[in-house]
Amino acid sequence: MINHVSLGVSDIAKAKAFYDAALKPLGYRCLSESPDSLGYGEKSAALWLLKADRVSAKDARPGLHLCFDAGTRKSVDGFHRAALGAGGRDNGAPGLRADYGANYYAAFVVDPDGYRIEAYCGAAK
């Protein structure tokens, strides 16, 4: 249903360092880069980060949340570890979320601009 999503970020270089690290364990990488934008994905860019004067995540309770598919639980763990190492804040350590489903394995972080992001794997192990 969704082809791509764009988010405004306050600092392209800082966002690049964070998203390069956080998305690498999930198999996603920067596919497009300019001074004012970055495009991430596997084969085509599905997440666009654009330089913005006003970042919506900094508004009070924006309700925005992005979830990235992860092929394995190990890649969810890697996402969380890499995101924290690149300046993200913990918003839920890797683990099963029984309230969401029997095999819902996920980790949650907040990026440097305040966006809430998640990596999710639905595999049984």
N, C-alpha and C. Protein backbone atom coordinates (compact mmCIF):
# COMPACT_ATOMS: atom_id res chain seq x y z
N MET A 1 0.81 -1.19 0.00
CA MET A 1 0.00 0.00 0.00
C MET A 1 0.86 1.25 0.00
N ILE A 2 1.93 1.28 0.77
CA ILE A 2 2.78 2.48 0.83
C ILE A 2 4.03 2.24 0.00
N ASN A 3 4.31 3.14 -0.92
CA ASN A 3 5.50 3.03 -1.77
C ASN A 3 6.73 3.58 -1.07
N HIS A 4 6.55 4.71 -0.39
CA HIS A 4 7.67 5.30 0.37
C HIS A 4 7.13 6.27 1.41
N VAL A 5 8.02 6.62 2.34
CA VAL A 5 7.71 7.56 3.41
C VAL A 5 8.85 8.57 3.47
N SER A 6 8.53 9.83 3.70
CA SER A 6 9.54 10.87 3.85
C SER A 6 9.43 11.48 5.24
N LEU A 7 10.58 11.69 5.87
CA LEU A 7 10.64 12.34 7.18
C LEU A 7 11.59 13.52 7.11
N GLY A 8 11.23 14.59 7.77
CA GLY A 8 12.12 15.73 7.88
C GLY A 8 13.12 15.50 9.02
N VAL A 9 14.39 15.79 8.77
CA VAL A 9 15.43 15.65 9.79
C VAL A 9 16.18 16.97 9.94
N SER A 10 16.71 17.19 11.12
CA SER A 10 17.39 18.45 11.40
C SER A 10 18.82 18.49 10.87
N ASP A 11 19.47 17.35 10.74
CA ASP A 11 20.87 17.29 10.34
C ASP A 11 21.09 16.05 9.47
N ILE A 12 21.32 16.25 8.19
CA ILE A 12 21.47 15.13 7.25
C ILE A 12 22.66 14.24 7.63
N ALA A 13 23.78 14.82 7.99
CA ALA A 13 24.97 14.01 8.33
C ALA A 13 24.71 13.15 9.56
N LYS A 14 24.09 13.73 10.56
CA LYS A 14 23.77 12.99 11.79
C LYS A 14 22.76 11.88 11.49
N ALA A 15 21.75 12.19 10.67
CA ALA A 15 20.75 11.19 10.29
C ALA A 15 21.40 10.06 9.50
N LYS A 16 22.31 10.40 8.62
CA LYS A 16 22.99 9.38 7.81
C LYS A 16 23.78 8.43 8.70
N ALA A 17 24.53 8.97 9.63
CA ALA A 17 25.32 8.13 10.54
C ALA A 17 24.40 7.19 11.32
N PHE A 18 23.29 7.70 11.81
CA PHE A 18 22.36 6.89 12.59
C PHE A 18 21.71 5.82 11.72
N TYR A 19 21.08 6.21 10.61
CA TYR A 19 20.34 5.26 9.80
C TYR A 19 21.24 4.27 9.06
N ASP A 20 22.44 4.69 8.67
CA ASP A 20 23.38 3.72 8.08
C ASP A 20 23.64 2.59 9.07
N ALA A 21 23.89 2.96 10.32
CA ALA A 21 24.20 1.96 11.35
C ALA A 21 22.97 1.14 11.72
N ALA A 22 21.85 1.79 11.99
CA ALA A 22 20.66 1.10 12.48
C ALA A 22 20.05 0.17 11.43
N LEU A 23 20.05 0.57 10.18
CA LEU A 23 19.38 -0.22 9.15
C LEU A 23 20.26 -1.30 8.53
N LYS A 24 21.58 -1.20 8.69
CA LYS A 24 22.49 -2.19 8.12
C LYS A 24 22.18 -3.62 8.58
N PRO A 25 21.95 -3.87 9.88
CA PRO A 25 21.63 -5.24 10.30
C PRO A 25 20.34 -5.79 9.69
N LEU A 26 19.49 -4.92 9.18
CA LEU A 26 18.23 -5.34 8.59
C LEU A 26 18.35 -5.55 7.08
N GLY A 27 19.53 -5.25 6.54
CA GLY A 27 19.76 -5.41 5.11
C GLY A 27 19.38 -4.22 4.27
N TYR A 28 19.15 -3.07 4.90
CA TYR A 28 18.80 -1.85 4.18
C TYR A 28 20.01 -0.92 4.16
N ARG A 29 20.10 -0.11 3.08
CA ARG A 29 21.24 0.80 2.97
C ARG A 29 20.82 2.08 2.26
N CYS A 30 21.71 3.05 2.33
CA CYS A 30 21.46 4.32 1.65
C CYS A 30 21.67 4.12 0.15
N LEU A 31 20.61 4.33 -0.63
CA LEU A 31 20.66 4.14 -2.07
C LEU A 31 20.72 5.46 -2.83
N SER A 32 20.40 6.54 -2.16
CA SER A 32 20.41 7.86 -2.79
C SER A 32 20.85 8.88 -1.76
N GLU A 33 21.76 9.76 -2.18
CA GLU A 33 22.28 10.77 -1.24
C GLU A 33 22.53 12.08 -1.97
N SER A 34 22.05 13.15 -1.37
CA SER A 34 22.34 14.50 -1.84
C SER A 34 22.54 15.36 -0.60
N PRO A 35 22.95 16.60 -0.74
CA PRO A 35 23.15 17.44 0.45
C PRO A 35 21.90 17.61 1.31
N ASP A 36 20.72 17.46 0.71
CA ASP A 36 19.47 17.69 1.44
C ASP A 36 18.56 16.48 1.55
N SER A 37 19.02 15.29 1.11
CA SER A 37 18.16 14.11 1.21
C SER A 37 18.95 12.81 1.21
N LEU A 38 18.33 11.80 1.78
CA LEU A 38 18.87 10.44 1.81
C LEU A 38 17.71 9.50 1.50
N GLY A 39 17.98 8.46 0.71
CA GLY A 39 16.96 7.46 0.40
C GLY A 39 17.45 6.08 0.80
N TYR A 40 16.68 5.38 1.64
CA TYR A 40 17.08 4.06 2.15
C TYR A 40 16.14 2.97 1.67
N GLY A 41 16.71 1.79 1.47
CA GLY A 41 15.91 0.64 1.10
C GLY A 41 16.80 -0.55 0.82
N GLU A 42 16.18 -1.56 0.22
CA GLU A 42 16.91 -2.76 -0.15
C GLU A 42 17.26 -2.70 -1.64
N LYS A 43 16.24 -2.56 -2.49
CA LYS A 43 16.46 -2.46 -3.93
C LYS A 43 16.06 -1.09 -4.46
N SER A 44 15.12 -0.46 -3.78
CA SER A 44 14.71 0.91 -4.12
C SER A 44 14.43 1.65 -2.81
N ALA A 45 14.56 2.95 -2.86
CA ALA A 45 14.39 3.76 -1.65
C ALA A 45 12.93 3.81 -1.23
N ALA A 46 12.67 3.39 0.00
CA ALA A 46 11.32 3.42 0.57
C ALA A 46 11.23 4.39 1.74
N LEU A 47 12.38 4.73 2.32
CA LEU A 47 12.45 5.72 3.39
C LEU A 47 13.31 6.88 2.91
N TRP A 48 12.72 8.05 2.88
CA TRP A 48 13.44 9.26 2.48
C TRP A 48 13.59 10.16 3.70
N LEU A 49 14.78 10.66 3.91
CA LEU A 49 15.07 11.62 4.97
C LEU A 49 15.43 12.93 4.29
N LEU A 50 14.70 13.98 4.63
CA LEU A 50 14.86 15.27 3.97
C LEU A 50 15.24 16.33 4.98
N LYS A 51 16.19 17.17 4.65
CA LYS A 51 16.57 18.29 5.52
C LYS A 51 15.36 19.19 5.69
N ALA A 52 15.03 19.48 6.95
CA ALA A 52 13.85 20.30 7.24
C ALA A 52 14.18 21.34 8.30
N ASP A 53 13.56 22.49 8.17
CA ASP A 53 13.73 23.54 9.17
C ASP A 53 12.98 23.20 10.46
N ARG A 54 11.86 22.51 10.30
CA ARG A 54 11.06 22.11 11.46
C ARG A 54 10.81 20.61 11.38
N VAL A 55 11.25 19.90 12.38
CA VAL A 55 11.12 18.44 12.40
C VAL A 55 9.86 18.07 13.16
N SER A 56 8.96 17.31 12.51
CA SER A 56 7.66 17.01 13.11
C SER A 56 7.77 16.16 14.38
N ALA A 57 8.80 15.35 14.51
CA ALA A 57 8.94 14.53 15.72
C ALA A 57 9.16 15.39 16.96
N LYS A 58 9.62 16.61 16.77
CA LYS A 58 9.86 17.49 17.91
C LYS A 58 8.57 18.13 18.42
N ASP A 59 7.49 18.03 17.62
CA ASP A 59 6.19 18.50 18.08
C ASP A 59 5.71 17.58 19.19
N ALA A 60 4.91 18.10 20.06
CA ALA A 60 4.40 17.30 21.18
C ALA A 60 3.57 16.13 20.67
N ARG A 61 3.97 14.92 21.02
CA ARG A 61 3.24 13.68 20.77
C ARG A 61 2.73 13.55 19.34
N PRO A 62 3.64 13.44 18.37
CA PRO A 62 3.18 13.36 16.98
C PRO A 62 2.47 12.06 16.63
N GLY A 63 2.69 11.01 17.40
CA GLY A 63 2.04 9.74 17.13
C GLY A 63 2.66 8.95 15.99
N LEU A 64 3.69 9.45 15.37
CA LEU A 64 4.33 8.78 14.25
C LEU A 64 5.22 7.65 14.75
N HIS A 65 5.14 6.51 14.07
CA HIS A 65 5.91 5.33 14.43
C HIS A 65 6.21 4.57 13.14
N LEU A 66 7.47 4.20 12.91
CA LEU A 66 7.84 3.42 11.74
C LEU A 66 8.34 2.05 12.18
N CYS A 67 7.92 1.01 11.46
CA CYS A 67 8.37 -0.35 11.77
C CYS A 67 9.04 -0.92 10.53
N PHE A 68 10.26 -1.43 10.70
CA PHE A 68 11.03 -2.04 9.62
C PHE A 68 11.00 -3.56 9.74
N ASP A 69 10.78 -4.25 8.62
CA ASP A 69 10.84 -5.70 8.60
C ASP A 69 12.27 -6.17 8.84
N ALA A 70 12.39 -7.21 9.63
CA ALA A 70 13.68 -7.84 9.89
C ALA A 70 13.55 -9.32 9.53
N GLY A 71 14.54 -9.86 8.87
CA GLY A 71 14.49 -11.25 8.45
C GLY A 71 14.67 -12.25 9.57
N THR A 72 15.39 -11.84 10.61
CA THR A 72 15.67 -12.76 11.72
C THR A 72 15.60 -12.00 13.04
N ARG A 73 15.46 -12.75 14.11
CA ARG A 73 15.51 -12.14 15.44
C ARG A 73 16.90 -11.57 15.70
N LYS A 74 17.91 -12.23 15.19
CA LYS A 74 19.28 -11.75 15.36
C LYS A 74 19.45 -10.36 14.71
N SER A 75 18.79 -10.15 13.57
CA SER A 75 18.89 -8.84 12.92
C SER A 75 18.15 -7.77 13.73
N VAL A 76 17.08 -8.15 14.43
CA VAL A 76 16.40 -7.21 15.34
C VAL A 76 17.35 -6.80 16.45
N ASP A 77 18.04 -7.78 17.02
CA ASP A 77 19.04 -7.50 18.06
C ASP A 77 20.12 -6.57 17.54
N GLY A 78 20.61 -6.84 16.32
CA GLY A 78 21.64 -6.01 15.71
C GLY A 78 21.17 -4.59 15.46
N PHE A 79 19.94 -4.45 15.01
CA PHE A 79 19.33 -3.13 14.80
C PHE A 79 19.35 -2.33 16.11
N HIS A 80 18.89 -2.94 17.18
CA HIS A 80 18.80 -2.25 18.47
C HIS A 80 20.18 -1.84 18.95
N ARG A 81 21.11 -2.76 18.92
CA ARG A 81 22.48 -2.49 19.36
C ARG A 81 23.12 -1.37 18.53
N ALA A 82 22.99 -1.45 17.20
CA ALA A 82 23.58 -0.45 16.31
C ALA A 82 22.92 0.92 16.48
N ALA A 83 21.60 0.93 16.63
CA ALA A 83 20.89 2.20 16.80
C ALA A 83 21.32 2.91 18.09
N LEU A 84 21.44 2.15 19.16
CA LEU A 84 21.89 2.76 20.42
C LEU A 84 23.33 3.25 20.30
N GLY A 85 24.16 2.50 19.62
CA GLY A 85 25.56 2.89 19.42
C GLY A 85 25.72 4.11 18.53
N ALA A 86 24.70 4.40 17.72
CA ALA A 86 24.77 5.53 16.80
C ALA A 86 23.97 6.74 17.29
N GLY A 87 23.63 6.76 18.56
CA GLY A 87 22.98 7.94 19.12
C GLY A 87 21.49 7.82 19.36
N GLY A 88 20.91 6.66 19.12
CA GLY A 88 19.49 6.45 19.41
C GLY A 88 19.26 6.22 20.89
N ARG A 89 18.01 6.36 21.29
CA ARG A 89 17.62 6.10 22.69
C ARG A 89 16.75 4.85 22.74
N ASP A 90 16.96 4.04 23.75
CA ASP A 90 16.19 2.82 23.93
C ASP A 90 14.72 3.17 24.17
N ASN A 91 13.84 2.42 23.50
CA ASN A 91 12.41 2.59 23.71
C ASN A 91 11.73 1.22 23.82
N GLY A 92 12.56 0.20 24.09
CA GLY A 92 12.07 -1.17 24.23
C GLY A 92 13.09 -2.16 23.71
N ALA A 93 13.74 -2.86 24.61
CA ALA A 93 14.80 -3.82 24.24
C ALA A 93 14.25 -4.95 23.38
N PRO A 94 15.11 -5.62 22.62
CA PRO A 94 14.66 -6.74 21.81
C PRO A 94 14.00 -7.82 22.65
N GLY A 95 12.91 -8.36 22.14
CA GLY A 95 12.24 -9.44 22.83
C GLY A 95 10.88 -9.72 22.24
N LEU A 96 10.28 -10.80 22.73
CA LEU A 96 8.94 -11.17 22.31
C LEU A 96 7.92 -10.21 22.92
N ARG A 97 6.91 -9.89 22.14
CA ARG A 97 5.80 -9.04 22.60
C ARG A 97 4.53 -9.88 22.49
N ALA A 98 4.26 -10.68 23.51
CA ALA A 98 3.13 -11.61 23.50
C ALA A 98 1.80 -10.90 23.27
N ASP A 99 1.69 -9.65 23.71
CA ASP A 99 0.45 -8.89 23.50
C ASP A 99 0.18 -8.64 22.02
N TYR A 100 1.24 -8.65 21.19
CA TYR A 100 1.10 -8.38 19.76
C TYR A 100 0.93 -9.67 18.96
N GLY A 101 1.36 -10.80 19.51
CA GLY A 101 1.28 -12.08 18.81
C GLY A 101 2.34 -13.03 19.34
N ALA A 102 2.11 -14.31 19.14
CA ALA A 102 3.00 -15.34 19.70
C ALA A 102 4.45 -15.22 19.23
N ASN A 103 4.67 -14.81 17.99
CA ASN A 103 6.03 -14.72 17.45
C ASN A 103 6.45 -13.29 17.15
N TYR A 104 5.83 -12.32 17.79
CA TYR A 104 6.15 -10.92 17.52
C TYR A 104 7.42 -10.55 18.30
N TYR A 105 8.54 -10.56 17.59
CA TYR A 105 9.84 -10.24 18.19
C TYR A 105 10.26 -8.87 17.66
N ALA A 106 10.49 -7.93 18.55
CA ALA A 106 10.76 -6.56 18.11
C ALA A 106 11.66 -5.82 19.08
N ALA A 107 12.21 -4.73 18.58
CA ALA A 107 12.98 -3.78 19.39
C ALA A 107 12.57 -2.38 18.96
N PHE A 108 12.62 -1.46 19.91
CA PHE A 108 12.16 -0.09 19.68
C PHE A 108 13.24 0.91 20.09
N VAL A 109 13.44 1.93 19.26
CA VAL A 109 14.38 3.00 19.58
C VAL A 109 13.78 4.34 19.16
N VAL A 110 14.39 5.39 19.65
CA VAL A 110 14.05 6.75 19.24
C VAL A 110 15.28 7.32 18.56
N ASP A 111 15.11 7.82 17.33
CA ASP A 111 16.26 8.33 16.58
C ASP A 111 16.68 9.71 17.09
N PRO A 112 17.79 10.26 16.59
CA PRO A 112 18.27 11.56 17.10
C PRO A 112 17.30 12.73 16.95
N ASP A 113 16.34 12.63 16.02
CA ASP A 113 15.34 13.68 15.86
C ASP A 113 14.07 13.42 16.66
N GLY A 114 14.00 12.29 17.34
CA GLY A 114 12.83 11.99 18.15
C GLY A 114 11.82 11.06 17.51
N TYR A 115 12.10 10.55 16.31
CA TYR A 115 11.19 9.61 15.66
C TYR A 115 11.29 8.25 16.34
N ARG A 116 10.14 7.61 16.55
CA ARG A 116 10.08 6.28 17.14
C ARG A 116 10.13 5.25 16.03
N ILE A 117 11.15 4.38 16.10
CA ILE A 117 11.30 3.35 15.07
C ILE A 117 11.43 1.98 15.71
N GLU A 118 11.04 0.99 14.95
CA GLU A 118 10.99 -0.39 15.42
C GLU A 118 11.54 -1.32 14.36
N ALA A 119 12.13 -2.41 14.78
CA ALA A 119 12.46 -3.53 13.89
C ALA A 119 11.66 -4.72 14.38
N TYR A 120 11.06 -5.46 13.45
CA TYR A 120 10.14 -6.55 13.79
C TYR A 120 10.46 -7.80 12.96
N CYS A 121 10.42 -8.94 13.62
CA CYS A 121 10.54 -10.25 12.98
C CYS A 121 9.41 -11.13 13.49
N GLY A 122 8.69 -11.77 12.58
CA GLY A 122 7.59 -12.63 12.96
C GLY A 122 7.91 -14.11 12.87
N ALA A 123 9.19 -14.43 12.62
CA ALA A 123 9.59 -15.84 12.52
C ALA A 123 9.49 -16.52 13.89
N ALA A 124 9.21 -17.82 13.87
CA ALA A 124 9.03 -18.57 15.11
C ALA A 124 10.30 -18.62 15.96
N LYS A 125 11.46 -18.56 15.37
CA LYS A 125 12.73 -18.56 16.14
C LYS A 125 13.76 -17.71 15.49
